[in-house]
Amino acid sequence: MYWIWWMILPLAGLTLGWTIRWLYARFQLTASEQQAERIKQDAIKEAEAKKKEILLEAKEQVIREKNQQERETRERRAELQRYERRVVQKEETIDKKMNQLERAEQGLAEKEKKIREREGALDREEERYREELKRISGLSVEAAKALIIRNLESEARHDAQSLINKIEQDATVQAEKKARNILVATIQRLSTEVTGEVSVATVTLPNDEMKGRIIGREGRNIRTLETLTGVDIIIDDTPEAVVISCFDPVRREIAKVALERLIIDGRIHPARIEEIVNKVTKDISQKIFEEGEKVLFDLGIHNIKSDTIRALGRLYFRTSYGQNVLYHSKEVAILTGILAAEIGANRELAKRAALLHDIGKGVESDSDLNHAEIGMDMARKMGEDPRIINAIGSHHNDLEPSCIESVLVQIADAISASRPGARRETLDNYIKRLENLENIAAGFTGVEKAFAIQAGRELRIIVNNEVMNDEQSRELAKQIARRIETDLRYPGRIKVTIIRETRIIEYAR
């Protein structure tokens, strides 16, 4: 019995569980169907609402577009009306002008008729006068014409010569004034430093004991340094200083820098000297190239070969009367460019020629040619423009200038060399130049006193008024100026002033 119950109970449990599950599933299905029906109804209602909203928006859009079209139509209609009014006004204006032209043509026709009648009357009157003149003067028409032509030609030539003289005088005055203005404006636009370089290199020592170390045992150190650098090292009684002497400024600079480094390093012997000199030589060579490139970059000049750049860089270590030649060349290039721009010349070619005008000073050469000729040869080998070659050769009047750029280089070179502070001369040379000016003036008859003033820029002369009159004084000024030009060398120009006065003194007792 028990086993029957054990079999019935599981079956009953399974049946009951399946029934409950089926009932639950049925309930869930009914709830889902109801929810789906609600969702469907909600969707239908939302769709209807959306439909109504879209229809309303569409109607509003149609109304807006209709209003827009009506507004545009009204505007176009108004614009067409304005165009029509303008056309009508233009037609009325044209009609008025046509009427005026017709009246003017009629008036011109009448005037032309009167002019023809007057010309006929004048022709008849002229013929009558000719006959009368012929009868009175007894000359034929051809003879009278020839006489009148000769008189008119003489008067025309006189008037033309007067006009030419006036034009030449005005042109001279205007040319001098304009040239002066251009030069003054050019100089004012340039700002440079005054000279401050020396021609002898001096190395400062920490103490006098360093002189012995520089000389070395039996002079081996100083001999090695002089042999490697090609300079003369002067060690004298000057306290804590050594002087380096050499005609080559690059060698002098190498020796100066090498000696300074050796003094700082403290190890002074032949092997160390050779090592330092080689290193300094490379550094100076690099500096030469960099200085040349720097000037080219500052001036905006391109297409220069490396040999020319090095020659330019060597000018950095060379001076002329205390003026650095590289800075002088750069200054001349700036001045020439400004002058060329002012007068309408080729600015780039003028700047290039001005920069290269002293390039011969930077070339290592044993030739007997001067720096202008050496520079011409170098420029010719580089394939430079013939005008640049001429500017290099003519900047010291060794050649005749063949173009305006060559003349500009001469002018800029003179400005750069003669401006205040550009170059330095010794006191002895300065005093000697002033004495030479005064001696030249004193050598002429009639000169009582001569004074060189304004640092030799002006020579003021007092003449004897009893010996010389005004015309002789003018001639004396010209003679003294010519003598100065031929006998002396000087920067810029020198003004010669003649002073002639009469003093009458009487005393009342």
Protein backbone atom coordinates (compact mmCIF):
# COMPACT_ATOMS: atom_id res chain seq x y z
CA MET A 1 0.00 0.00 0.00
CA TYR A 2 2.71 2.38 0.96
CA TRP A 3 4.46 2.05 -2.30
CA ILE A 4 1.27 2.98 -4.16
CA TRP A 5 1.08 6.18 -2.16
CA TRP A 6 4.69 6.86 -2.82
CA MET A 7 3.94 6.71 -6.54
CA ILE A 8 0.65 8.65 -6.44
CA LEU A 9 1.93 11.53 -4.36
CA PRO A 10 4.71 12.60 -6.84
CA LEU A 11 2.28 12.34 -9.73
CA ALA A 12 -0.25 14.40 -7.87
CA GLY A 13 2.42 16.97 -7.02
CA LEU A 14 3.54 17.19 -10.62
CA THR A 15 -0.02 17.56 -11.82
CA LEU A 16 -0.74 20.24 -9.26
CA GLY A 17 2.51 22.10 -10.14
CA TRP A 18 1.78 21.95 -13.84
CA THR A 19 -1.74 23.24 -13.27
CA ILE A 20 -0.51 26.13 -11.16
CA ARG A 21 2.17 26.97 -13.75
CA TRP A 22 -0.39 26.82 -16.55
CA LEU A 23 -2.75 29.12 -14.64
CA TYR A 24 0.10 31.57 -13.88
CA ALA A 25 1.20 31.57 -17.53
CA ARG A 26 -2.37 32.18 -18.61
CA PHE A 27 -2.62 35.08 -16.21
CA GLN A 28 0.66 36.53 -17.44
CA LEU A 29 -0.46 36.18 -21.08
CA THR A 30 -3.70 37.99 -20.34
CA ALA A 31 -1.83 40.80 -18.56
CA SER A 32 0.63 41.11 -21.48
CA GLU A 33 -2.20 41.26 -23.98
CA GLN A 34 -3.86 43.98 -21.95
CA GLN A 35 -0.59 45.93 -21.68
CA ALA A 36 0.01 45.53 -25.41
CA GLU A 37 -3.48 46.80 -26.07
CA ARG A 38 -2.85 49.82 -23.86
CA ILE A 39 0.46 50.54 -25.59
CA LYS A 40 -1.27 50.21 -28.95
CA GLN A 41 -4.00 52.63 -27.93
CA ASP A 42 -1.42 55.07 -26.55
CA ALA A 43 0.58 54.84 -29.78
CA ILE A 44 -2.53 55.48 -31.85
CA LYS A 45 -3.41 58.51 -29.75
CA GLU A 46 0.19 59.84 -29.93
CA ALA A 47 0.25 59.31 -33.70
CA GLU A 48 -2.98 61.21 -34.06
CA ALA A 49 -1.59 64.05 -31.97
CA LYS A 50 1.64 64.09 -34.02
CA LYS A 51 -0.41 64.05 -37.21
CA LYS A 52 -2.45 67.02 -36.08
CA GLU A 53 0.74 68.85 -35.01
CA ILE A 54 2.44 68.18 -38.36
CA LEU A 55 -0.64 69.34 -40.24
CA LEU A 56 -0.72 72.54 -38.19
CA GLU A 57 3.00 73.18 -38.80
CA ALA A 58 2.52 72.49 -42.52
CA LYS A 59 -0.36 74.95 -42.67
CA GLU A 60 1.66 77.57 -40.82
CA GLN A 61 4.61 77.00 -43.15
CA VAL A 62 2.36 77.38 -46.18
CA ILE A 63 0.95 80.58 -44.73
CA ARG A 64 4.46 81.95 -44.01
CA GLU A 65 5.73 81.09 -47.48
CA LYS A 66 2.63 82.66 -49.00
CA ASN A 67 3.19 85.84 -46.98
CA GLN A 68 6.88 85.85 -47.96
CA GLN A 69 6.03 85.49 -51.63
CA GLU A 70 3.45 88.27 -51.39
CA ARG A 71 5.99 90.53 -49.66
CA GLU A 72 8.66 89.79 -52.29
CA THR A 73 6.08 90.37 -55.02
CA ARG A 74 5.21 93.75 -53.51
CA GLU A 75 8.91 94.67 -53.23
CA ARG A 76 9.60 93.67 -56.82
CA ARG A 77 6.57 95.59 -57.99
CA ALA A 78 7.77 98.66 -56.08
CA GLU A 79 11.29 98.26 -57.50
CA LEU A 80 9.91 97.95 -61.03
CA GLN A 81 7.92 101.12 -60.45
CA ARG A 82 11.10 102.92 -59.29
CA TYR A 83 12.96 101.68 -62.40
CA GLU A 84 10.09 102.87 -64.58
CA ARG A 85 10.21 106.32 -62.98
CA ARG A 86 14.00 106.49 -63.49
CA VAL A 87 13.66 105.46 -67.12
CA VAL A 88 10.99 108.09 -67.67
CA GLN A 89 13.19 110.73 -66.01
CA LYS A 90 16.20 109.72 -68.12
CA GLU A 91 14.10 109.86 -71.29
CA GLU A 92 12.90 113.33 -70.35
CA THR A 93 16.51 114.42 -69.62
CA ILE A 94 17.68 113.00 -72.95
CA ASP A 95 14.89 114.80 -74.78
CA LYS A 96 15.88 118.08 -73.10
CA LYS A 97 19.55 117.56 -74.02
CA MET A 98 18.61 116.73 -77.61
CA ASN A 99 16.63 119.96 -77.81
CA GLN A 100 19.59 121.87 -76.36
CA LEU A 101 21.96 120.21 -78.84
CA GLU A 102 19.68 121.12 -81.74
CA ARG A 103 19.57 124.73 -80.58
CA ALA A 104 23.36 124.70 -80.08
CA GLU A 105 23.88 123.31 -83.61
CA GLN A 106 21.73 126.03 -85.03
CA GLY A 107 23.71 128.64 -83.09
CA LEU A 108 27.01 127.11 -84.27
CA ALA A 109 25.84 127.14 -87.85
CA GLU A 110 24.99 130.81 -87.58
CA LYS A 111 28.34 131.57 -85.88
CA GLU A 112 30.19 129.61 -88.55
CA LYS A 113 28.46 131.62 -91.25
CA LYS A 114 29.40 134.89 -89.52
CA ILE A 115 33.02 133.69 -89.09
CA ARG A 116 33.28 132.86 -92.79
CA GLU A 117 31.91 136.28 -93.68
CA ARG A 118 34.39 137.90 -91.26
CA GLU A 119 37.29 135.86 -92.68
CA GLY A 120 36.37 137.03 -96.17
CA ALA A 121 36.29 140.64 -95.00
CA LEU A 122 39.67 140.19 -93.23
CA ASP A 123 41.21 138.62 -96.35
CA ARG A 124 40.05 141.58 -98.42
CA GLU A 125 41.33 144.02 -95.78
CA GLU A 126 44.69 142.19 -95.61
CA GLU A 127 45.06 142.32 -99.36
CA ARG A 128 44.32 146.06 -99.30
CA TYR A 129 46.93 146.60 -96.55
CA ARG A 130 49.51 144.60 -98.49
CA GLU A 131 48.99 146.72 -101.57
CA GLU A 132 49.19 149.86 -99.45
CA LEU A 133 52.40 148.70 -97.69
CA LYS A 134 53.92 147.70 -101.01
CA ARG A 135 53.11 151.12 -102.45
CA ILE A 136 54.45 153.02 -99.41
CA SER A 137 57.63 150.97 -98.72
CA GLY A 138 58.52 150.14 -102.26
CA LEU A 139 59.30 146.50 -101.21
CA SER A 140 57.92 143.40 -102.77
CA VAL A 141 56.05 140.84 -100.71
CA GLU A 142 59.02 138.44 -100.65
CA ALA A 143 61.43 141.16 -99.53
CA ALA A 144 59.06 142.29 -96.78
CA LYS A 145 58.65 138.70 -95.60
CA ALA A 146 62.42 138.19 -95.51
CA LEU A 147 62.88 141.41 -93.50
CA ILE A 148 60.18 140.45 -91.01
CA ILE A 149 61.56 136.92 -90.68
CA ARG A 150 65.07 138.24 -89.95
CA ASN A 151 63.76 140.58 -87.28
CA LEU A 152 61.63 137.84 -85.71
CA GLU A 153 64.53 135.37 -85.83
CA SER A 154 66.85 137.85 -84.07
CA GLU A 155 64.26 138.55 -81.39
CA ALA A 156 63.51 134.82 -80.97
CA ARG A 157 67.18 133.97 -80.56
CA HIS A 158 67.63 136.68 -77.95
CA ASP A 159 64.56 135.53 -76.03
CA ALA A 160 65.61 131.87 -76.34
CA GLN A 161 69.10 132.62 -75.01
CA SER A 162 67.65 134.55 -72.09
CA LEU A 163 65.28 131.69 -71.37
CA ILE A 164 68.11 129.12 -71.60
CA ASN A 165 70.26 131.15 -69.19
CA LYS A 166 67.39 131.42 -66.74
CA ILE A 167 66.60 127.70 -67.00
CA GLU A 168 70.27 126.79 -66.47
CA GLN A 169 70.51 129.03 -63.41
CA ASP A 170 67.28 127.63 -61.96
CA ALA A 171 68.37 124.07 -62.75
CA THR A 172 71.74 124.63 -61.06
CA VAL A 173 70.13 126.08 -57.94
CA GLN A 174 67.49 123.34 -57.78
CA ALA A 175 70.03 120.56 -58.47
CA GLU A 176 72.35 121.77 -55.72
CA LYS A 177 69.44 122.15 -53.31
CA LYS A 178 68.03 118.71 -54.11
CA ALA A 179 71.44 117.03 -53.96
CA ARG A 180 72.10 118.70 -50.59
CA ASN A 181 68.74 117.54 -49.27
CA ILE A 182 69.32 113.98 -50.48
CA LEU A 183 72.77 113.82 -48.87
CA VAL A 184 71.56 115.33 -45.59
CA ALA A 185 68.58 112.95 -45.44
CA THR A 186 70.83 110.00 -46.24
CA ILE A 187 73.35 110.87 -43.53
CA GLN A 188 70.60 111.50 -40.97
CA ARG A 189 69.08 108.06 -41.63
CA LEU A 190 72.37 106.32 -40.77
CA SER A 191 73.37 105.70 -37.17
CA THR A 192 76.86 104.23 -36.65
CA GLU A 193 79.50 104.11 -33.98
CA VAL A 194 82.63 106.21 -33.96
CA THR A 195 85.98 104.54 -34.34
CA GLY A 196 87.43 102.91 -31.29
CA GLU A 197 89.87 100.35 -32.64
CA VAL A 198 93.63 100.43 -32.28
CA SER A 199 96.31 99.23 -34.67
CA VAL A 200 98.53 97.60 -32.01
CA ALA A 201 97.38 94.58 -30.01
CA THR A 202 98.21 94.61 -26.32
CA VAL A 203 97.73 91.68 -23.95
CA THR A 204 97.32 92.44 -20.25
CA LEU A 205 99.21 90.16 -17.83
CA PRO A 206 98.16 89.30 -14.29
CA ASN A 207 101.67 90.08 -13.06
CA ASP A 208 105.21 90.66 -14.33
CA GLU A 209 106.26 87.10 -13.46
CA MET A 210 104.13 85.91 -16.39
CA LYS A 211 106.62 87.56 -18.79
CA GLY A 212 109.27 85.01 -17.82
CA ARG A 213 106.88 82.11 -18.35
CA ILE A 214 105.94 83.47 -21.78
CA ILE A 215 109.62 83.73 -22.75
CA GLY A 216 110.36 80.23 -21.41
CA ARG A 217 113.68 78.50 -20.89
CA GLU A 218 116.19 79.98 -23.36
CA GLY A 219 113.25 81.71 -25.11
CA ARG A 220 111.69 78.51 -26.48
CA ASN A 221 108.11 79.48 -25.64
CA ILE A 222 108.19 82.91 -27.28
CA ARG A 223 110.03 81.52 -30.33
CA THR A 224 107.40 78.81 -30.74
CA LEU A 225 104.57 81.31 -30.46
CA GLU A 226 106.18 83.72 -32.94
CA THR A 227 106.94 80.90 -35.40
CA LEU A 228 103.41 79.45 -35.32
CA THR A 229 101.59 82.79 -35.56
CA GLY A 230 104.02 84.82 -37.68
CA VAL A 231 104.02 87.84 -35.35
CA ASP A 232 106.57 89.72 -33.29
CA ILE A 233 105.98 89.64 -29.52
CA ILE A 234 107.54 92.61 -27.77
CA ILE A 235 108.25 92.17 -24.07
CA ASP A 236 109.77 95.31 -22.56
CA ASP A 237 109.62 97.24 -19.30
CA THR A 238 105.94 98.07 -19.70
CA PRO A 239 104.35 96.77 -16.50
CA GLU A 240 101.92 93.86 -16.85
CA ALA A 241 101.60 94.15 -20.65
CA VAL A 242 102.88 92.44 -23.77
CA VAL A 243 102.70 94.06 -27.24
CA ILE A 244 102.00 92.00 -30.38
CA SER A 245 103.18 93.49 -33.68
CA CYS A 246 102.24 92.21 -37.15
CA PHE A 247 101.13 93.72 -40.47
CA ASP A 248 98.53 90.95 -40.92
CA PRO A 249 95.57 91.76 -38.64
CA VAL A 250 94.31 88.16 -38.68
CA ARG A 251 97.63 86.78 -37.50
CA ARG A 252 97.80 89.48 -34.86
CA GLU A 253 94.34 88.52 -33.62
CA ILE A 254 95.24 84.80 -33.55
CA ALA A 255 98.38 85.53 -31.52
CA LYS A 256 96.46 87.81 -29.14
CA VAL A 257 93.67 85.31 -28.46
CA ALA A 258 96.12 82.39 -28.16
CA LEU A 259 98.31 84.27 -25.69
CA GLU A 260 95.26 85.26 -23.60
CA ARG A 261 94.10 81.64 -23.45
CA LEU A 262 97.59 80.44 -22.52
CA ILE A 263 97.73 82.97 -19.68
CA ILE A 264 94.34 81.82 -18.37
CA ASP A 265 95.27 78.14 -18.74
CA GLY A 266 98.65 78.59 -17.06
CA ARG A 267 100.31 75.73 -18.93
CA ILE A 268 102.81 77.42 -21.24
CA HIS A 269 105.13 75.09 -23.13
CA PRO A 270 105.74 74.43 -26.88
CA ALA A 271 103.29 71.52 -27.20
CA ARG A 272 100.50 73.39 -25.44
CA ILE A 273 101.26 76.54 -27.44
CA GLU A 274 100.92 74.61 -30.73
CA GLU A 275 97.64 73.06 -29.57
CA ILE A 276 96.15 76.40 -28.52
CA VAL A 277 97.31 78.18 -31.72
CA ASN A 278 95.71 75.49 -33.94
CA LYS A 279 92.45 75.71 -32.03
CA VAL A 280 92.40 79.51 -32.10
CA THR A 281 93.19 79.49 -35.83
CA LYS A 282 90.10 77.35 -36.46
CA ASP A 283 87.98 79.59 -34.24
CA ILE A 284 89.18 82.76 -35.97
CA SER A 285 88.57 81.18 -39.40
CA GLN A 286 85.02 80.35 -38.35
CA LYS A 287 84.54 83.86 -36.96
CA ILE A 288 85.75 85.36 -40.25
CA PHE A 289 83.12 83.40 -42.18
CA GLU A 290 80.39 84.25 -39.65
CA GLU A 291 81.18 87.99 -39.77
CA GLY A 292 80.99 87.95 -43.57
CA GLU A 293 77.66 86.09 -43.52
CA LYS A 294 76.29 88.44 -40.84
CA VAL A 295 76.95 91.54 -42.96
CA LEU A 296 75.38 89.90 -46.03
CA PHE A 297 72.32 88.96 -43.98
CA ASP A 298 71.96 92.46 -42.52
CA LEU A 299 72.13 94.03 -46.00
CA GLY A 300 69.93 91.41 -47.70
CA ILE A 301 72.58 90.53 -50.33
CA HIS A 302 72.64 86.98 -51.70
CA ASN A 303 74.50 84.78 -54.21
CA ILE A 304 77.98 85.49 -52.84
CA LYS A 305 80.63 82.77 -53.10
CA SER A 306 82.35 81.43 -50.00
CA ASP A 307 85.76 82.87 -50.97
CA THR A 308 84.20 86.32 -51.19
CA ILE A 309 82.46 85.82 -47.83
CA ARG A 310 85.80 84.96 -46.22
CA ALA A 311 87.43 88.00 -47.84
CA LEU A 312 84.65 90.16 -46.40
CA GLY A 313 85.07 88.54 -42.98
CA ARG A 314 88.80 89.31 -42.99
CA LEU A 315 87.91 93.00 -43.25
CA TYR A 316 86.52 92.69 -39.70
CA PHE A 317 90.09 92.51 -38.39
CA ARG A 318 91.42 95.33 -40.59
CA THR A 319 91.25 99.05 -39.86
CA SER A 320 91.93 102.16 -41.93
CA TYR A 321 92.88 105.23 -39.87
CA GLY A 322 91.21 103.49 -36.93
CA GLN A 323 87.97 102.78 -38.89
CA ASN A 324 86.92 99.12 -39.12
CA VAL A 325 86.93 98.30 -42.85
CA LEU A 326 84.04 95.79 -42.68
CA TYR A 327 81.81 98.23 -40.82
CA HIS A 328 82.92 100.94 -43.24
CA SER A 329 81.91 98.74 -46.22
CA LYS A 330 78.54 98.00 -44.60
CA GLU A 331 78.00 101.69 -43.90
CA VAL A 332 78.87 102.60 -47.51
CA ALA A 333 76.41 99.95 -48.75
CA ILE A 334 73.60 101.40 -46.60
CA LEU A 335 74.35 104.95 -47.74
CA THR A 336 74.56 103.92 -51.40
CA GLY A 337 71.27 102.05 -51.18
CA ILE A 338 69.53 105.10 -49.69
CA LEU A 339 71.02 107.43 -52.32
CA ALA A 340 70.07 105.05 -55.15
CA ALA A 341 66.50 104.84 -53.88
CA GLU A 342 66.29 108.64 -53.69
CA ILE A 343 67.40 109.25 -57.29
CA GLY A 344 65.86 106.14 -58.89
CA ALA A 345 69.06 104.17 -59.60
CA ASN A 346 69.46 100.38 -59.32
CA ARG A 347 69.38 99.99 -55.52
CA GLU A 348 70.40 96.33 -55.24
CA LEU A 349 73.29 96.66 -57.69
CA ALA A 350 74.50 99.83 -55.95
CA LYS A 351 74.44 98.16 -52.50
CA ARG A 352 76.33 95.12 -53.83
CA ALA A 353 78.98 97.31 -55.48
CA ALA A 354 79.36 99.42 -52.33
CA LEU A 355 79.81 96.36 -50.09
CA LEU A 356 82.51 94.96 -52.39
CA HIS A 357 84.33 98.25 -53.08
CA ASP A 358 87.11 97.47 -50.52
CA ILE A 359 87.06 93.68 -50.97
CA GLY A 360 90.66 93.83 -52.26
CA LYS A 361 91.82 94.68 -48.73
CA GLY A 362 90.60 91.30 -47.50
CA VAL A 363 92.34 89.20 -50.15
CA GLU A 364 95.57 87.44 -49.20
CA SER A 365 97.87 88.43 -52.05
CA ASP A 366 101.53 89.32 -52.56
CA SER A 367 100.73 91.33 -55.70
CA ASP A 368 101.93 94.91 -56.15
CA LEU A 369 98.44 95.97 -57.28
CA ASN A 370 96.42 98.30 -55.07
CA HIS A 371 93.28 97.07 -53.32
CA ALA A 372 90.96 98.52 -55.99
CA GLU A 373 92.72 96.57 -58.77
CA ILE A 374 92.79 93.39 -56.66
CA GLY A 375 89.09 93.82 -55.92
CA MET A 376 88.33 94.29 -59.63
CA ASP A 377 90.15 91.05 -60.49
CA MET A 378 88.30 89.17 -57.78
CA ALA A 379 84.91 90.55 -58.86
CA ARG A 380 85.69 89.70 -62.47
CA LYS A 381 86.51 86.10 -61.51
CA MET A 382 83.25 85.87 -59.54
CA GLY A 383 81.32 86.90 -62.66
CA GLU A 384 79.97 90.12 -61.17
CA ASP A 385 78.17 92.74 -63.25
CA PRO A 386 80.55 95.03 -65.23
CA ARG A 387 79.02 98.02 -63.43
CA ILE A 388 80.06 96.52 -60.07
CA ILE A 389 83.58 95.94 -61.38
CA ASN A 390 83.74 99.56 -62.56
CA ALA A 391 82.46 100.83 -59.20
CA ILE A 392 85.19 98.88 -57.36
CA GLY A 393 87.93 100.20 -59.64
CA SER A 394 86.72 103.79 -59.76
CA HIS A 395 85.95 104.49 -56.10
CA HIS A 396 89.42 106.09 -55.75
CA ASN A 397 89.32 107.60 -59.28
CA ASP A 398 91.72 104.97 -60.67
CA LEU A 399 89.14 104.55 -63.47
CA GLU A 400 86.46 106.78 -64.92
CA PRO A 401 82.97 105.94 -63.54
CA SER A 402 80.86 104.37 -66.29
CA CYS A 403 77.46 104.44 -64.54
CA ILE A 404 75.53 106.35 -61.90
CA GLU A 405 76.00 103.50 -59.38
CA SER A 406 79.79 104.00 -59.51
CA VAL A 407 79.36 107.68 -58.72
CA LEU A 408 77.05 106.85 -55.80
CA VAL A 409 79.67 104.46 -54.37
CA GLN A 410 82.26 107.27 -54.55
CA ILE A 411 79.90 109.68 -52.75
CA ALA A 412 78.96 107.18 -50.03
CA ASP A 413 82.61 106.20 -49.52
CA ALA A 414 83.53 109.86 -49.02
CA ILE A 415 80.63 110.39 -46.59
CA SER A 416 81.54 107.33 -44.52
CA ALA A 417 85.23 108.19 -44.36
CA SER A 418 84.86 111.90 -43.64
CA ARG A 419 81.97 111.98 -41.17
CA PRO A 420 82.91 113.11 -37.63
CA GLY A 421 84.29 110.26 -35.55
CA ALA A 422 84.76 107.90 -38.47
CA ARG A 423 88.53 107.95 -38.55
CA ARG A 424 91.25 108.90 -36.16
CA GLU A 425 94.57 110.56 -36.83
CA THR A 426 97.40 111.20 -34.44
CA LEU A 427 97.87 114.60 -32.81
CA ASP A 428 101.10 115.20 -34.72
CA ASN A 429 99.43 114.51 -38.08
CA TYR A 430 96.48 116.68 -37.13
CA ILE A 431 98.70 119.64 -36.16
CA LYS A 432 100.84 119.16 -39.24
CA ARG A 433 97.78 119.23 -41.50
CA LEU A 434 96.61 122.51 -39.94
CA GLU A 435 100.09 124.03 -40.28
CA ASN A 436 100.25 122.99 -43.95
CA LEU A 437 96.93 124.72 -44.60
CA GLU A 438 98.13 127.94 -42.99
CA ASN A 439 101.51 127.79 -44.77
CA ILE A 440 99.86 127.39 -48.18
CA ALA A 441 97.78 130.52 -47.60
CA ALA A 442 100.73 132.48 -46.20
CA GLY A 443 102.74 131.83 -49.38
CA PHE A 444 100.49 134.08 -51.49
CA THR A 445 101.08 137.81 -51.93
CA GLY A 446 98.72 140.08 -50.01
CA VAL A 447 97.95 137.60 -47.21
CA GLU A 448 98.49 139.06 -43.77
CA LYS A 449 97.19 136.25 -41.54
CA ALA A 450 95.77 132.75 -42.04
CA PHE A 451 93.91 130.60 -39.52
CA ALA A 452 92.86 126.96 -39.89
CA ILE A 453 89.65 126.58 -37.85
CA GLN A 454 86.89 123.99 -37.29
CA ALA A 455 89.40 121.13 -37.12
CA GLY A 456 90.81 122.06 -40.52
CA ARG A 457 87.44 122.23 -42.25
CA GLU A 458 87.78 125.97 -42.89
CA LEU A 459 90.73 128.20 -43.78
CA ARG A 460 90.09 131.83 -42.85
CA ILE A 461 92.46 134.37 -44.47
CA ILE A 462 92.88 138.10 -43.76
CA VAL A 463 94.31 140.07 -46.71
CA ASN A 464 95.76 143.58 -46.96
CA ASN A 465 93.01 145.83 -48.29
CA GLU A 466 95.53 148.29 -49.75
CA VAL A 467 97.25 145.63 -51.82
CA MET A 468 94.22 143.63 -53.01
CA ASN A 469 90.79 144.71 -54.24
CA ASP A 470 87.59 142.63 -54.26
CA GLU A 471 88.21 141.00 -57.63
CA GLN A 472 91.77 140.05 -56.67
CA SER A 473 90.44 138.59 -53.40
CA ARG A 474 88.02 136.36 -55.30
CA GLU A 475 90.83 135.16 -57.57
CA LEU A 476 93.08 134.57 -54.55
CA ALA A 477 90.43 132.34 -52.93
CA LYS A 478 90.24 130.21 -56.08
CA GLN A 479 94.05 129.91 -56.32
CA ILE A 480 94.40 128.86 -52.67
CA ALA A 481 91.60 126.27 -53.06
CA ARG A 482 93.31 124.79 -56.13
CA ARG A 483 96.69 124.70 -54.33
CA ILE A 484 95.11 122.82 -51.39
CA GLU A 485 93.51 120.31 -53.79
CA THR A 486 96.82 119.56 -55.50
CA ASP A 487 99.21 119.62 -52.51
CA LEU A 488 97.23 118.09 -49.61
CA ARG A 489 95.27 114.93 -48.91
CA TYR A 490 92.26 115.44 -46.64
CA PRO A 491 88.81 113.95 -46.00
CA GLY A 492 85.69 115.86 -47.07
CA ARG A 493 86.15 119.46 -48.21
CA ILE A 494 87.81 122.63 -46.91
CA LYS A 495 86.13 126.03 -47.02
CA VAL A 496 88.38 128.99 -47.96
CA THR A 497 87.18 132.35 -46.61
CA ILE A 498 88.84 135.64 -47.60
CA ILE A 499 88.33 138.62 -45.27
CA ARG A 500 89.12 142.08 -46.63
CA GLU A 501 88.16 145.16 -44.64
CA THR A 502 89.03 148.84 -44.42
CA ARG A 503 89.47 150.45 -41.01
CA ILE A 504 89.79 154.24 -40.74
CA ILE A 505 90.63 155.58 -37.28
CA GLU A 506 90.72 159.25 -36.34
CA TYR A 507 90.91 160.87 -32.92
CA ALA A 508 89.17 164.06 -31.86
CA ARG A 509 91.25 166.14 -29.43
